[in-house]
């Protein structure tokens, strides 16, 4: 029976006759393109890691939560232009201990920039951000024009 392998970069699955990274890089690009077309436009730079984002919506605002462990919140740059949100930052690698012989390094480091189209226009003057336990939470209040309006029916 075949074993189910979670999708992520696997460097040891290629036969020795081909470039060991060629097929995986192609698959990564394919899934990135597929994700962008299915879930709206999400743009990223060519970095080694991209933080995970959750976007939810209430009647009055959009809520974005991002896993950003190891990042100083003072070094994050968050901007909104129209209905496009951009988050930039960098996770810096810790100083390596010279006495350690690493067997495996799986954590990703480096800078990132991620832009995504929001499903509604937001009031950029009222955006608030919190950072706790490696999770950033943005509350993006909807502009008045983007909020749903209830229309009452008059009886004659």
Foldseek 3Di string as FASTA:
>chain_A
DDDDDDDDDDQPPDDPVDDSCVVSVVVVVVVVVVCCVVPDHKDKDPFPDDWDWDWDDDLWWIKIKTQAPQWDPVQWDWDDDFQKIKIKGWRDDDDDDPVDDDPDDDDGTTIMMMMGGHPAGFDRVPWDWDADPRMIMIITTGDPVRHDDDDDDDDD
